[in-house]
Protein backbone atom coordinates (compact mmCIF):
# COMPACT_ATOMS: atom_id res chain seq x y z
CA MET A 1 -19.15 37.61 -28.53
CA PRO A 2 -16.86 40.63 -28.12
CA ALA A 3 -13.83 40.17 -25.84
CA ASP A 4 -14.91 42.97 -23.48
CA VAL A 5 -18.30 41.30 -22.95
CA PHE A 6 -16.56 38.00 -22.21
CA LYS A 7 -14.22 39.69 -19.72
CA ALA A 8 -17.25 41.24 -18.00
CA GLU A 9 -18.73 37.74 -17.74
CA VAL A 10 -15.50 36.49 -16.12
CA LYS A 11 -15.47 39.42 -13.68
CA ALA A 12 -19.12 38.81 -12.73
CA TRP A 13 -18.35 35.17 -11.92
CA ALA A 14 -15.19 36.19 -10.04
CA GLU A 15 -17.23 38.51 -7.84
CA ARG A 16 -19.81 35.79 -7.19
CA ILE A 17 -17.09 33.28 -6.26
CA GLY A 18 -15.14 35.82 -4.22
CA VAL A 19 -11.85 35.78 -6.11
CA GLU A 20 -9.91 38.45 -7.93
CA PRO A 21 -7.93 37.44 -11.02
CA LYS A 22 -4.83 39.60 -11.51
CA GLU A 23 -5.11 39.48 -15.31
CA ILE A 24 -7.58 38.15 -17.87
CA HIS A 25 -6.22 37.34 -21.31
CA ILE A 26 -7.85 35.96 -24.44
CA ARG A 27 -5.63 34.37 -27.09
CA PRO A 28 -5.56 31.33 -29.37
CA MET A 29 -4.67 28.16 -27.44
CA LYS A 30 -3.88 24.85 -29.13
CA ARG A 31 -4.59 22.24 -26.47
CA LYS A 32 -7.06 23.60 -23.93
CA TRP A 33 -9.89 26.05 -23.38
CA ALA A 34 -8.19 28.00 -20.59
CA SER A 35 -5.44 28.11 -17.99
CA CYS A 36 -4.73 29.69 -14.63
CA SER A 37 -1.23 30.63 -13.51
CA GLN A 38 -0.02 30.58 -9.90
CA THR A 39 0.18 34.37 -10.05
CA GLY A 40 -3.55 34.70 -10.81
CA ARG A 41 -3.37 35.24 -14.56
CA LEU A 42 -6.28 33.67 -16.43
CA THR A 43 -5.93 32.92 -20.14
CA PHE A 44 -8.89 31.86 -22.27
CA ASP A 45 -8.93 30.49 -25.81
CA THR A 46 -10.42 32.87 -28.40
CA GLU A 47 -12.68 30.01 -29.58
CA LEU A 48 -14.42 30.06 -26.19
CA LEU A 49 -16.08 33.33 -27.20
CA ARG A 50 -18.03 31.39 -29.84
CA GLN A 51 -19.23 28.64 -27.48
CA PRO A 52 -22.68 28.37 -25.82
CA ALA A 53 -23.17 30.30 -22.56
CA GLY A 54 -23.41 27.17 -20.41
CA PHE A 55 -20.11 25.80 -21.64
CA ARG A 56 -18.41 29.20 -21.24
CA ALA A 57 -19.64 29.30 -17.63
CA GLU A 58 -18.18 25.85 -16.95
CA VAL A 59 -14.75 26.88 -18.22
CA ILE A 60 -14.82 30.28 -16.48
CA VAL A 61 -15.88 28.86 -13.11
CA HIS A 62 -13.34 26.02 -13.40
CA GLU A 63 -10.46 28.45 -13.89
CA LEU A 64 -11.64 30.95 -11.27
CA LEU A 65 -11.93 28.18 -8.68
CA HIS A 66 -8.24 27.45 -9.21
CA LEU A 67 -7.58 30.82 -7.57
CA LYS A 68 -9.03 29.26 -4.40
CA VAL A 69 -8.07 25.59 -4.87
CA PRO A 70 -4.97 24.83 -6.98
CA ASN A 71 -5.85 21.18 -7.69
CA HIS A 72 -8.80 19.04 -8.83
CA GLY A 73 -9.36 17.35 -5.46
CA PRO A 74 -12.61 16.81 -3.52
CA LEU A 75 -12.91 20.45 -2.38
CA PHE A 76 -12.48 21.71 -5.95
CA LYS A 77 -15.09 19.26 -7.25
CA ALA A 78 -17.52 20.18 -4.47
CA LEU A 79 -17.18 23.90 -5.23
CA LEU A 80 -17.60 23.28 -8.96
CA LYS A 81 -20.79 21.36 -8.25
CA ALA A 82 -22.01 24.10 -5.89
CA TYR A 83 -21.62 26.79 -8.56
CA LEU A 84 -22.61 24.83 -11.66
CA GLY A 85 -24.92 22.07 -10.46
CA GLU A 86 -24.88 18.31 -10.70
CA LYS A 87 -23.47 17.96 -14.22
CA ASN A 88 -19.94 18.51 -12.88
């Protein structure tokens, strides 16, 4: 998947969730699929572009939700479930 198509996917989810990432970056990451900085910068691993759509959505939504909820507490988990369904 081309990077610009992936970024469009991230922006579509961001609009649906009601958040606005300041920056979206794609680069090789050694230990995780993605990260979200306190300043609103999202970074995604280049390998994510080769993953199935459902998995990409999980990672994208997870990181975008951190723009609303900075932790993995009950509210975060409830929102994740609301956007992605029962598997989370």
